C-alpha cells in the first residue's frame, strides 16, 4: 500500500507546484508522470534495502530467494523512473514499466497464495493487490503512452 500512498502524495504535491507556476507540472498528466517517477524510485530503492530478502521470498520457484532478480527489478524500476522524467524517453519508459508491472504480478499472486509475509505482515489480499496493480498500469498508460486528443475548433467553443 505504501507505493500507492507515495504515488498519490507525490502527484498531488507536483500538481500543487503546477498551480503555483511550475509550467512543467501545470497538467495532471505531467504531475502524475512525475509522481510515478517518485514512486518507482521509492520502490526500486527498497530492492536494495533490508527488504530485499522479503522480496526474494515472494518470487515464485525456481527463482525463489534469488537476490539477483530483486536487484535487477529494482534497477529496472529506477531506470524507468528516470526515463519518465526525460521527454525523449517518457513513452518508452512507460511501456517498459507497464510490462515490468505485468511481469512482477505473479510474485504477488505467489506471495498471497503461499502466505509469504512482507516486513512481518501477512501478504496483501490478491484482489486488492490486483486492483492496485491495475491503478499503477492505468496511471503509467495515461501519463506516458496515451496520446491526448487535440482540441478542435468545435470543442473549443
N, C-alpha and C. Protein backbone atom coordinates (compact mmCIF):
# COMPACT_ATOMS: atom_id res chain seq x y z
N UNK A 1 0.81 -1.20 0.00
CA UNK A 1 0.00 0.00 0.00
C UNK A 1 0.85 1.27 0.00
N UNK A 2 2.06 1.18 0.60
CA UNK A 2 2.92 2.35 0.68
C UNK A 2 3.19 2.96 -0.70
N UNK A 3 3.49 2.15 -1.74
CA UNK A 3 3.72 2.77 -3.05
C UNK A 3 2.51 3.56 -3.56
N UNK A 4 1.31 3.08 -3.29
CA UNK A 4 0.11 3.81 -3.71
C UNK A 4 0.03 5.17 -3.02
N UNK A 5 0.33 5.18 -1.72
CA UNK A 5 0.32 6.45 -0.98
C UNK A 5 1.41 7.39 -1.47
N UNK A 6 2.57 6.84 -1.81
CA UNK A 6 3.66 7.66 -2.36
C UNK A 6 3.22 8.26 -3.69
N UNK A 7 2.60 7.45 -4.54
CA UNK A 7 2.13 7.94 -5.84
C UNK A 7 1.12 9.06 -5.67
N UNK A 8 0.13 8.85 -4.83
CA UNK A 8 -0.91 9.87 -4.64
C UNK A 8 -0.33 11.14 -4.04
N UNK A 9 0.46 10.99 -2.99
CA UNK A 9 1.05 12.15 -2.33
C UNK A 9 1.97 12.95 -3.24
N UNK A 10 2.85 12.25 -3.95
CA UNK A 10 3.78 12.94 -4.85
C UNK A 10 3.04 13.62 -5.99
N UNK A 11 2.04 12.95 -6.55
CA UNK A 11 1.27 13.55 -7.65
C UNK A 11 0.57 14.82 -7.19
N UNK A 12 -0.03 14.78 -6.02
CA UNK A 12 -0.71 15.97 -5.50
C UNK A 12 0.28 17.11 -5.25
N UNK A 13 1.44 16.78 -4.71
CA UNK A 13 2.45 17.83 -4.47
C UNK A 13 2.95 18.42 -5.78
N UNK A 14 3.18 17.58 -6.78
CA UNK A 14 3.63 18.10 -8.08
C UNK A 14 2.54 18.95 -8.73
N UNK A 15 1.29 18.52 -8.62
CA UNK A 15 0.21 19.32 -9.21
C UNK A 15 0.06 20.65 -8.49
N UNK A 16 0.27 20.64 -7.17
CA UNK A 16 0.25 21.88 -6.40
C UNK A 16 1.35 22.82 -6.88
N UNK A 17 2.52 22.26 -7.15
CA UNK A 17 3.61 23.09 -7.69
C UNK A 17 3.21 23.67 -9.04
N UNK A 18 2.48 22.90 -9.84
CA UNK A 18 1.98 23.40 -11.12
C UNK A 18 1.01 24.55 -10.93
N UNK A 19 0.17 24.45 -9.90
CA UNK A 19 -0.78 25.55 -9.63
C UNK A 19 -0.06 26.82 -9.19
N UNK A 20 1.14 26.64 -8.61
CA UNK A 20 1.91 27.80 -8.16
C UNK A 20 2.92 28.26 -9.20
N UNK A 21 2.75 27.83 -10.45
CA UNK A 21 3.53 28.40 -11.53
C UNK A 21 4.60 27.54 -12.16
N UNK A 22 4.81 26.32 -11.70
CA UNK A 22 5.79 25.44 -12.35
C UNK A 22 5.14 24.89 -13.61
N UNK A 23 5.52 25.48 -14.75
CA UNK A 23 4.86 25.18 -16.02
C UNK A 23 4.91 23.69 -16.38
N UNK A 24 6.00 23.03 -16.08
CA UNK A 24 6.15 21.61 -16.43
C UNK A 24 5.18 20.72 -15.66
N UNK A 25 4.55 21.26 -14.63
CA UNK A 25 3.62 20.47 -13.82
C UNK A 25 2.21 21.05 -13.85
N UNK A 26 1.91 21.83 -14.88
CA UNK A 26 0.62 22.53 -14.95
C UNK A 26 -0.53 21.61 -15.38
N UNK A 27 -0.22 20.41 -15.84
CA UNK A 27 -1.25 19.46 -16.25
C UNK A 27 -1.22 18.24 -15.32
N UNK A 28 -2.36 17.63 -15.09
CA UNK A 28 -2.44 16.45 -14.24
C UNK A 28 -1.60 15.31 -14.79
N UNK A 29 -1.57 15.15 -16.11
CA UNK A 29 -0.77 14.06 -16.71
C UNK A 29 0.70 14.21 -16.34
N UNK A 30 1.21 15.42 -16.39
CA UNK A 30 2.62 15.65 -16.06
C UNK A 30 2.88 15.42 -14.58
N UNK A 31 1.97 15.90 -13.73
CA UNK A 31 2.12 15.69 -12.29
C UNK A 31 2.07 14.20 -11.97
N UNK A 32 1.19 13.47 -12.63
CA UNK A 32 1.10 12.02 -12.40
C UNK A 32 2.36 11.31 -12.86
N UNK A 33 2.90 11.73 -14.00
CA UNK A 33 4.12 11.11 -14.51
C UNK A 33 5.28 11.31 -13.53
N UNK A 34 5.41 12.51 -12.99
CA UNK A 34 6.47 12.76 -12.01
C UNK A 34 6.16 12.05 -10.69
N UNK A 35 4.88 11.95 -10.34
CA UNK A 35 4.50 11.17 -9.16
C UNK A 35 4.88 9.71 -9.32
N UNK A 36 4.66 9.17 -10.52
CA UNK A 36 5.07 7.80 -10.81
C UNK A 36 6.59 7.65 -10.73
N UNK A 37 7.31 8.66 -11.20
CA UNK A 37 8.77 8.60 -11.12
C UNK A 37 9.22 8.51 -9.66
N UNK A 38 8.61 9.30 -8.81
CA UNK A 38 8.94 9.23 -7.37
C UNK A 38 8.59 7.86 -6.82
N UNK A 39 7.42 7.35 -7.17
CA UNK A 39 7.01 6.04 -6.67
C UNK A 39 7.97 4.94 -7.12
N UNK A 40 8.35 4.95 -8.39
CA UNK A 40 9.25 3.91 -8.88
C UNK A 40 10.66 4.07 -8.31
N UNK A 41 11.09 5.30 -8.06
CA UNK A 41 12.38 5.49 -7.36
C UNK A 41 12.30 4.91 -5.95
N UNK A 42 11.20 5.18 -5.28
CA UNK A 42 10.98 4.67 -3.92
C UNK A 42 10.98 3.15 -3.91
N UNK A 43 10.15 2.55 -4.76
CA UNK A 43 10.05 1.08 -4.75
C UNK A 43 11.33 0.44 -5.26
N UNK A 44 11.94 1.04 -6.26
CA UNK A 44 13.19 0.48 -6.76
C UNK A 44 14.29 0.51 -5.70
N UNK A 45 14.37 1.60 -4.95
CA UNK A 45 15.39 1.72 -3.90
C UNK A 45 15.19 0.68 -2.81
N UNK A 46 13.94 0.33 -2.52
CA UNK A 46 13.70 -0.66 -1.47
C UNK A 46 14.24 -2.03 -1.84
N UNK A 47 14.47 -2.27 -3.12
CA UNK A 47 15.03 -3.54 -3.56
C UNK A 47 16.50 -3.68 -3.16
N UNK A 48 17.09 -2.60 -2.73
CA UNK A 48 18.50 -2.61 -2.31
C UNK A 48 18.62 -2.40 -0.80
N UNK A 49 17.49 -2.48 -0.11
CA UNK A 49 17.46 -2.28 1.34
C UNK A 49 17.32 -3.63 2.05
N UNK A 50 17.09 -3.59 3.33
CA UNK A 50 16.88 -4.80 4.09
C UNK A 50 15.65 -5.57 3.65
N UNK A 51 14.76 -4.94 2.89
CA UNK A 51 13.55 -5.60 2.40
C UNK A 51 13.83 -6.56 1.26
N UNK A 52 15.06 -6.56 0.73
CA UNK A 52 15.36 -7.39 -0.42
C UNK A 52 15.09 -8.88 -0.15
N UNK A 53 15.29 -9.33 1.06
CA UNK A 53 15.05 -10.74 1.38
C UNK A 53 13.54 -11.04 1.40
N UNK A 54 12.74 -10.08 1.84
CA UNK A 54 11.28 -10.26 1.78
C UNK A 54 10.82 -10.33 0.32
N UNK A 55 11.37 -9.46 -0.52
CA UNK A 55 11.03 -9.51 -1.95
C UNK A 55 11.44 -10.85 -2.55
N UNK A 56 12.64 -11.31 -2.20
CA UNK A 56 13.15 -12.57 -2.77
C UNK A 56 12.26 -13.75 -2.39
N UNK A 57 11.67 -13.70 -1.20
CA UNK A 57 10.78 -14.78 -0.76
C UNK A 57 9.48 -14.79 -1.57
N UNK A 58 9.12 -13.66 -2.15
CA UNK A 58 7.89 -13.56 -2.94
C UNK A 58 8.03 -14.13 -4.34
N UNK A 59 9.25 -14.26 -4.81
CA UNK A 59 9.48 -14.70 -6.18
C UNK A 59 9.14 -16.19 -6.31
N UNK A 60 8.31 -16.54 -7.29
CA UNK A 60 7.93 -17.95 -7.45
C UNK A 60 9.12 -18.82 -7.84
N UNK A 61 9.01 -20.13 -7.56
CA UNK A 61 10.05 -21.07 -8.00
C UNK A 61 10.16 -21.03 -9.52
N UNK A 62 11.28 -21.28 -10.07
CA UNK A 62 12.51 -21.76 -9.44
C UNK A 62 13.44 -20.64 -8.96
N UNK A 63 12.99 -19.41 -9.01
CA UNK A 63 13.85 -18.28 -8.67
C UNK A 63 13.66 -17.77 -7.24
N UNK A 64 12.85 -18.46 -6.44
CA UNK A 64 12.59 -18.03 -5.06
C UNK A 64 13.91 -17.83 -4.32
N UNK A 65 14.05 -16.68 -3.68
CA UNK A 65 15.24 -16.41 -2.88
C UNK A 65 16.42 -15.85 -3.65
N UNK A 66 16.29 -15.73 -4.94
CA UNK A 66 17.41 -15.25 -5.76
C UNK A 66 17.50 -13.72 -5.71
N UNK A 67 18.54 -13.22 -5.05
CA UNK A 67 18.68 -11.77 -4.89
C UNK A 67 18.97 -11.06 -6.20
N UNK A 68 19.59 -11.72 -7.15
CA UNK A 68 19.88 -11.04 -8.42
C UNK A 68 18.58 -10.60 -9.10
N UNK A 69 17.50 -11.36 -8.93
CA UNK A 69 16.20 -10.99 -9.51
C UNK A 69 15.71 -9.69 -8.86
N UNK A 70 15.91 -9.59 -7.56
CA UNK A 70 15.47 -8.40 -6.82
C UNK A 70 16.30 -7.19 -7.23
N UNK A 71 17.60 -7.37 -7.33
CA UNK A 71 18.47 -6.26 -7.76
C UNK A 71 18.12 -5.81 -9.18
N UNK A 72 17.88 -6.78 -10.06
CA UNK A 72 17.53 -6.45 -11.44
C UNK A 72 16.22 -5.67 -11.50
N UNK A 73 15.19 -6.16 -10.82
CA UNK A 73 13.90 -5.47 -10.89
C UNK A 73 13.97 -4.10 -10.22
N UNK A 74 14.76 -3.98 -9.17
CA UNK A 74 14.95 -2.66 -8.55
C UNK A 74 15.64 -1.70 -9.50
N UNK A 75 16.68 -2.17 -10.17
CA UNK A 75 17.40 -1.32 -11.13
C UNK A 75 16.50 -0.92 -12.30
N UNK A 76 15.66 -1.86 -12.76
CA UNK A 76 14.74 -1.54 -13.85
C UNK A 76 13.71 -0.49 -13.43
N UNK A 77 13.24 -0.57 -12.20
CA UNK A 77 12.29 0.43 -11.71
C UNK A 77 12.95 1.80 -11.63
N UNK A 78 14.17 1.85 -11.14
CA UNK A 78 14.89 3.13 -11.05
C UNK A 78 15.16 3.69 -12.44
N UNK A 79 15.59 2.83 -13.36
CA UNK A 79 15.82 3.29 -14.74
C UNK A 79 14.53 3.80 -15.36
N UNK A 80 13.44 3.09 -15.13
CA UNK A 80 12.14 3.54 -15.65
C UNK A 80 11.73 4.87 -15.06
N UNK A 81 11.96 5.05 -13.77
CA UNK A 81 11.63 6.31 -13.11
C UNK A 81 12.39 7.47 -13.74
N UNK A 82 13.66 7.25 -13.99
CA UNK A 82 14.48 8.29 -14.63
C UNK A 82 13.94 8.56 -16.03
N UNK A 83 13.61 7.49 -16.77
CA UNK A 83 13.07 7.65 -18.12
C UNK A 83 11.78 8.45 -18.16
N UNK A 84 10.96 8.33 -17.12
CA UNK A 84 9.70 9.09 -17.07
C UNK A 84 9.95 10.59 -17.02
N UNK A 85 11.09 11.00 -16.54
CA UNK A 85 11.38 12.44 -16.39
C UNK A 85 12.09 13.04 -17.60
N UNK A 86 12.46 12.22 -18.56
CA UNK A 86 13.17 12.69 -19.76
C UNK A 86 12.20 12.63 -20.94
N UNK A 87 11.80 13.79 -21.46
CA UNK A 87 10.78 13.81 -22.52
C UNK A 87 11.03 12.82 -23.65
N UNK A 88 12.24 12.70 -24.09
CA UNK A 88 12.57 11.81 -25.21
C UNK A 88 12.27 10.34 -24.90
N UNK A 89 12.33 9.96 -23.62
CA UNK A 89 12.18 8.56 -23.23
C UNK A 89 10.90 8.25 -22.47
N UNK A 90 10.04 9.23 -22.28
CA UNK A 90 8.84 9.03 -21.45
C UNK A 90 7.96 7.89 -21.95
N UNK A 91 7.67 7.87 -23.21
CA UNK A 91 6.77 6.85 -23.76
C UNK A 91 7.40 5.47 -23.65
N UNK A 92 8.66 5.34 -24.04
CA UNK A 92 9.36 4.06 -23.94
C UNK A 92 9.45 3.60 -22.49
N UNK A 93 9.76 4.51 -21.60
CA UNK A 93 9.83 4.16 -20.17
C UNK A 93 8.47 3.69 -19.68
N UNK A 94 7.41 4.36 -20.11
CA UNK A 94 6.07 3.97 -19.71
C UNK A 94 5.72 2.57 -20.19
N UNK A 95 6.01 2.27 -21.43
CA UNK A 95 5.73 0.93 -21.96
C UNK A 95 6.53 -0.12 -21.19
N UNK A 96 7.80 0.15 -20.96
CA UNK A 96 8.65 -0.80 -20.23
C UNK A 96 8.17 -0.99 -18.80
N UNK A 97 7.75 0.08 -18.15
CA UNK A 97 7.26 -0.04 -16.77
C UNK A 97 5.95 -0.81 -16.71
N UNK A 98 5.07 -0.62 -17.70
CA UNK A 98 3.84 -1.41 -17.71
C UNK A 98 4.15 -2.89 -17.88
N UNK A 99 5.09 -3.21 -18.75
CA UNK A 99 5.49 -4.61 -18.93
C UNK A 99 6.13 -5.16 -17.65
N UNK A 100 6.92 -4.34 -16.98
CA UNK A 100 7.53 -4.77 -15.73
C UNK A 100 6.47 -5.03 -14.67
N UNK A 101 5.49 -4.15 -14.56
CA UNK A 101 4.40 -4.36 -13.60
C UNK A 101 3.66 -5.67 -13.88
N UNK A 102 3.44 -5.96 -15.14
CA UNK A 102 2.79 -7.23 -15.50
C UNK A 102 3.68 -8.42 -15.15
N UNK A 103 4.98 -8.28 -15.40
CA UNK A 103 5.92 -9.37 -15.11
C UNK A 103 6.06 -9.62 -13.61
N UNK A 104 5.91 -8.58 -12.81
CA UNK A 104 6.06 -8.72 -11.36
C UNK A 104 4.80 -9.25 -10.68
N UNK A 105 3.68 -9.18 -11.35
CA UNK A 105 2.42 -9.58 -10.71
C UNK A 105 2.40 -11.03 -10.23
N UNK A 106 2.97 -11.99 -10.96
CA UNK A 106 2.98 -13.37 -10.45
C UNK A 106 3.64 -13.50 -9.07
N UNK A 107 4.59 -12.64 -8.75
CA UNK A 107 5.19 -12.69 -7.41
C UNK A 107 4.16 -12.33 -6.35
N UNK A 108 3.28 -11.40 -6.66
CA UNK A 108 2.22 -11.04 -5.72
C UNK A 108 1.22 -12.17 -5.55
N UNK A 109 0.90 -12.84 -6.64
CA UNK A 109 -0.01 -13.99 -6.58
C UNK A 109 0.63 -15.10 -5.75
N UNK A 110 1.90 -15.37 -6.01
CA UNK A 110 2.62 -16.42 -5.27
C UNK A 110 2.66 -16.09 -3.78
N UNK A 111 2.96 -14.83 -3.46
CA UNK A 111 3.04 -14.43 -2.04
C UNK A 111 1.68 -14.59 -1.36
N UNK A 112 0.62 -14.17 -2.03
CA UNK A 112 -0.72 -14.28 -1.43
C UNK A 112 -1.13 -15.74 -1.28
N UNK A 113 -0.87 -16.54 -2.29
CA UNK A 113 -1.28 -17.94 -2.26
C UNK A 113 -0.50 -18.76 -1.24
N UNK A 114 0.73 -18.33 -0.96
CA UNK A 114 1.60 -19.10 -0.06
C UNK A 114 1.82 -18.44 1.28
N UNK A 115 1.11 -17.36 1.55
CA UNK A 115 1.22 -16.69 2.85
C UNK A 115 2.58 -16.10 3.14
N UNK A 116 3.28 -15.65 2.10
CA UNK A 116 4.61 -15.06 2.29
C UNK A 116 4.45 -13.70 2.96
N UNK A 117 5.09 -13.55 4.10
CA UNK A 117 4.99 -12.30 4.87
C UNK A 117 5.97 -11.28 4.31
N UNK A 118 5.57 -10.01 4.40
CA UNK A 118 6.43 -8.92 3.94
C UNK A 118 6.58 -7.95 5.10
N UNK A 119 7.80 -7.78 5.56
CA UNK A 119 8.11 -6.95 6.72
C UNK A 119 7.28 -7.38 7.93
N UNK A 120 7.09 -8.69 8.05
CA UNK A 120 6.37 -9.24 9.18
C UNK A 120 4.86 -9.25 9.05
N UNK A 121 4.34 -8.59 8.03
CA UNK A 121 2.89 -8.50 7.84
C UNK A 121 2.44 -9.58 6.84
N UNK A 122 1.22 -10.04 7.00
CA UNK A 122 0.71 -11.01 6.02
C UNK A 122 0.60 -10.36 4.64
N UNK A 123 0.60 -11.19 3.61
CA UNK A 123 0.53 -10.61 2.25
C UNK A 123 -0.79 -9.90 2.02
N UNK A 124 -0.73 -8.90 1.16
CA UNK A 124 -1.94 -8.19 0.75
C UNK A 124 -2.83 -9.17 -0.01
N UNK A 125 -4.13 -9.10 0.25
CA UNK A 125 -5.06 -9.98 -0.45
C UNK A 125 -4.93 -9.76 -1.95
N UNK A 126 -5.03 -10.83 -2.70
CA UNK A 126 -4.75 -10.77 -4.13
C UNK A 126 -5.70 -9.83 -4.87
N UNK A 127 -6.96 -9.76 -4.47
CA UNK A 127 -7.90 -8.88 -5.17
C UNK A 127 -7.49 -7.41 -5.00
N UNK A 128 -7.01 -7.06 -3.80
CA UNK A 128 -6.57 -5.69 -3.56
C UNK A 128 -5.27 -5.41 -4.30
N UNK A 129 -4.36 -6.36 -4.27
CA UNK A 129 -3.09 -6.18 -4.98
C UNK A 129 -3.33 -6.04 -6.48
N UNK A 130 -4.26 -6.83 -7.02
CA UNK A 130 -4.58 -6.73 -8.45
C UNK A 130 -5.16 -5.36 -8.78
N UNK A 131 -6.04 -4.86 -7.91
CA UNK A 131 -6.63 -3.54 -8.13
C UNK A 131 -5.56 -2.45 -8.10
N UNK A 132 -4.66 -2.51 -7.13
CA UNK A 132 -3.58 -1.53 -7.04
C UNK A 132 -2.68 -1.61 -8.27
N UNK A 133 -2.36 -2.83 -8.69
CA UNK A 133 -1.52 -3.01 -9.87
C UNK A 133 -2.19 -2.41 -11.11
N UNK A 134 -3.51 -2.59 -11.22
CA UNK A 134 -4.25 -2.00 -12.34
C UNK A 134 -4.21 -0.48 -12.29
N UNK A 135 -4.29 0.08 -11.08
CA UNK A 135 -4.19 1.54 -10.93
C UNK A 135 -2.82 2.02 -11.42
N UNK A 136 -1.76 1.31 -11.02
CA UNK A 136 -0.41 1.69 -11.45
C UNK A 136 -0.28 1.61 -12.98
N UNK A 137 -0.75 0.52 -13.55
CA UNK A 137 -0.66 0.36 -15.01
C UNK A 137 -1.47 1.44 -15.72
N UNK A 138 -2.67 1.71 -15.24
CA UNK A 138 -3.51 2.74 -15.85
C UNK A 138 -2.86 4.12 -15.74
N UNK A 139 -2.26 4.41 -14.59
CA UNK A 139 -1.61 5.71 -14.40
C UNK A 139 -0.40 5.86 -15.33
N UNK A 140 0.36 4.79 -15.49
CA UNK A 140 1.51 4.85 -16.41
C UNK A 140 1.01 5.03 -17.83
N UNK A 141 0.01 4.24 -18.23
CA UNK A 141 -0.52 4.35 -19.59
C UNK A 141 -1.04 5.76 -19.86
N UNK A 142 -1.87 6.27 -18.93
CA UNK A 142 -2.50 7.57 -19.12
C UNK A 142 -1.47 8.71 -19.18
N UNK A 143 -0.44 8.62 -18.38
CA UNK A 143 0.51 9.74 -18.30
C UNK A 143 1.67 9.65 -19.29
N UNK A 144 1.84 8.49 -19.94
CA UNK A 144 3.00 8.37 -20.83
C UNK A 144 2.68 7.82 -22.22
N UNK A 145 1.80 6.86 -22.30
CA UNK A 145 1.58 6.16 -23.57
C UNK A 145 0.41 6.75 -24.34
N UNK A 146 -0.67 7.01 -23.65
CA UNK A 146 -1.89 7.54 -24.29
C UNK A 146 -1.58 8.89 -24.93
N UNK A 147 -2.04 9.04 -26.13
CA UNK A 147 -1.88 10.31 -26.84
C UNK A 147 -3.10 11.18 -26.56
N UNK A 148 -2.90 12.36 -26.00
CA UNK A 148 -4.07 13.21 -25.73
C UNK A 148 -4.73 13.66 -27.02
N UNK A 149 -6.04 13.79 -26.96
CA UNK A 149 -6.78 14.27 -28.13
C UNK A 149 -6.49 15.75 -28.30
N UNK A 150 -6.30 16.14 -29.55
CA UNK A 150 -6.07 17.55 -29.84
C UNK A 150 -7.39 18.28 -29.86
N UNK A 151 -7.39 19.46 -29.31
CA UNK A 151 -8.61 20.28 -29.30
C UNK A 151 -8.91 20.75 -30.71
N UNK A 152 -10.17 20.69 -31.08
CA UNK A 152 -10.59 21.19 -32.38
C UNK A 152 -11.42 22.45 -32.16
N UNK A 153 -11.68 23.14 -33.22
CA UNK A 153 -12.43 24.39 -33.08
C UNK A 153 -13.84 24.13 -32.55
N UNK A 154 -14.44 22.97 -32.85
CA UNK A 154 -15.79 22.71 -32.37
C UNK A 154 -15.79 22.38 -30.88
N UNK A 155 -14.71 21.84 -30.34
CA UNK A 155 -14.66 21.53 -28.93
C UNK A 155 -14.19 22.71 -28.10
N UNK A 156 -13.71 23.74 -28.74
CA UNK A 156 -13.19 24.90 -28.01
C UNK A 156 -14.26 25.95 -27.77
N UNK A 157 -15.43 25.76 -28.32
CA UNK A 157 -16.49 26.76 -28.16
C UNK A 157 -17.12 26.72 -26.82
